[in-house]
Amino acid sequence: MNNELQFIDYPPKLIKAKLQLCNDYEAKYGASHTVTAWKKWCESYDYRKNEWQFRHNVAKSVKYGGYEYTAS
């Protein structure tokens, strides 16, 4: 059995809603690094996939490094 997780993209409706929130926030408060990153996440499939892979690889490195996180 393969234990590797596969990337499944978010539904377009949710991505569009998040992008609208970013645009509304930016219009109200101005540009910021956080909003810019979220907009890039919303606009690029490859960015979302790379971000997902990064998070999972960090989790795997912690798990296999002998420092498995357990919530207390």
Protein backbone atom coordinates (compact mmCIF):
# COMPACT_ATOMS: atom_id res chain seq x y z
CA MET A 1 0.00 0.00 0.00
CA ASN A 2 1.29 3.45 -0.92
CA ASN A 3 1.36 5.83 2.05
CA GLU A 4 2.18 8.88 -0.07
CA LEU A 5 -0.49 11.54 -0.13
CA GLN A 6 -1.52 13.07 -3.43
CA PHE A 7 -2.18 16.76 -3.96
CA ILE A 8 -5.84 17.51 -4.59
CA ASP A 9 -6.52 21.10 -5.52
CA TYR A 10 -9.16 23.17 -3.79
CA PRO A 11 -12.50 23.71 -5.56
CA PRO A 12 -12.41 26.76 -7.87
CA LYS A 13 -15.35 28.27 -6.01
CA LEU A 14 -13.36 28.40 -2.74
CA ILE A 15 -10.27 29.79 -4.47
CA LYS A 16 -12.34 32.51 -6.12
CA ALA A 17 -13.94 33.41 -2.77
CA LYS A 18 -10.51 33.67 -1.09
CA LEU A 19 -9.20 35.84 -3.91
CA GLN A 20 -12.20 38.15 -3.49
CA LEU A 21 -11.47 38.41 0.25
CA CYS A 22 -7.88 39.34 -0.58
CA ASN A 23 -8.95 41.98 -3.07
CA ASP A 24 -11.45 43.46 -0.59
CA TYR A 25 -8.83 43.54 2.18
CA GLU A 26 -6.28 45.15 -0.12
CA ALA A 27 -8.78 47.79 -1.23
CA LYS A 28 -9.61 48.63 2.38
CA TYR A 29 -6.18 48.44 4.04
CA GLY A 30 -3.65 48.58 1.21
CA ALA A 31 -1.12 46.07 -0.06
CA SER A 32 0.84 43.82 2.27
CA HIS A 33 3.18 40.86 1.90
CA THR A 34 0.56 38.52 3.32
CA VAL A 35 -2.13 39.62 0.87
CA THR A 36 0.33 39.40 -2.02
CA ALA A 37 1.22 35.82 -1.04
CA TRP A 38 -2.43 34.81 -0.74
CA LYS A 39 -3.25 36.35 -4.12
CA LYS A 40 -0.37 34.43 -5.69
CA TRP A 41 -1.66 31.25 -4.00
CA CYS A 42 -5.13 31.88 -5.46
CA GLU A 43 -3.89 32.63 -8.96
CA SER A 44 -1.40 29.78 -9.48
CA TYR A 45 -2.04 26.03 -9.42
CA ASP A 46 1.71 25.38 -9.33
CA TYR A 47 2.14 27.72 -6.34
CA ARG A 48 -0.61 25.88 -4.42
CA LYS A 49 0.90 22.51 -5.29
CA ASN A 50 4.43 23.59 -4.30
CA GLU A 51 3.16 25.04 -1.03
CA TRP A 52 1.35 21.79 -0.26
CA GLN A 53 4.46 19.74 -1.05
CA PHE A 54 6.59 22.01 1.13
CA ARG A 55 4.28 21.63 4.13
CA HIS A 56 4.15 17.85 3.76
CA ASN A 57 7.90 17.53 3.35
CA VAL A 58 8.48 19.59 6.48
CA ALA A 59 6.07 17.34 8.37
CA LYS A 60 7.82 14.22 7.04
CA SER A 61 11.26 15.54 7.96
CA VAL A 62 10.12 16.21 11.51
CA LYS A 63 8.44 12.81 11.75
CA TYR A 64 11.40 10.84 10.41
CA GLY A 65 13.97 12.94 12.22
CA GLY A 66 12.93 11.45 15.55
CA TYR A 67 11.04 14.52 16.64
CA GLU A 68 7.48 13.45 15.88
CA TYR A 69 5.05 16.08 17.11
CA THR A 70 2.29 15.00 19.44
CA ALA A 71 -0.37 17.44 20.52
CA SER A 72 -0.67 17.75 24.27
